[in-house]
Amino acid sequence: MTSIHIRPLDPDDGEAAAAIFFDAVHYGTANDYSAAQRTAWADAAPNPARWRKRFVDISGFAAEVDGVMAGFMTLDAGGYIDLAFVRSGLSGRGVGRALYDRIEARARAEGVDRLTAEASKTARPFFERMGWRVDAEQVVVKDGIGLTNFKMSKRLVPG
């Protein structure tokens, strides 16, 4: 794999993000969630129009590998990471880590003292490797189907 290029997210990234989200959920989480759970979470097909709208007022970073968007991660002003997805075929190759490092650096620069997220069963080990802790396990119901995830957090120590 060539180098990973990290850049700010752009509203035009919505369509690529839809494809990455769909791939990451349907293929990347297949060992942790049933087909019905994955469909409830990410629909039966990508929805680029919804993602284009969603990316108008979003802050975060995109990762590119060989000039193609490979993943993305968002951060709001309160330190919440809402979206963190990497193409399933690139899992374990440093894309998520490169994105996360940029997110944490931005949070520190903006004076955020605590990061939070709701991590899937698949993402939980990644966040734990980054020094996060599980605050609570929860079941989110989407389209009548329960999906277990974890409220997680990390205190950012100044300096």
Foldseek 3Di string as FASTA:
>chain_A
DDDKDKDKDDLVCQQVALVQLLQCLQPVCPVPDPNVVSCLVNNPGGDSVVSSVVRHPWTFMFIDDPNGTFWIWTADLQQEIEDTTGRNVCPPVCRSVVRVVVSVVVCLVSVHFKHKYWAAPSCVVVVVVVVKDFPDWDWDAGPNDTGITTIIMDTDDHD
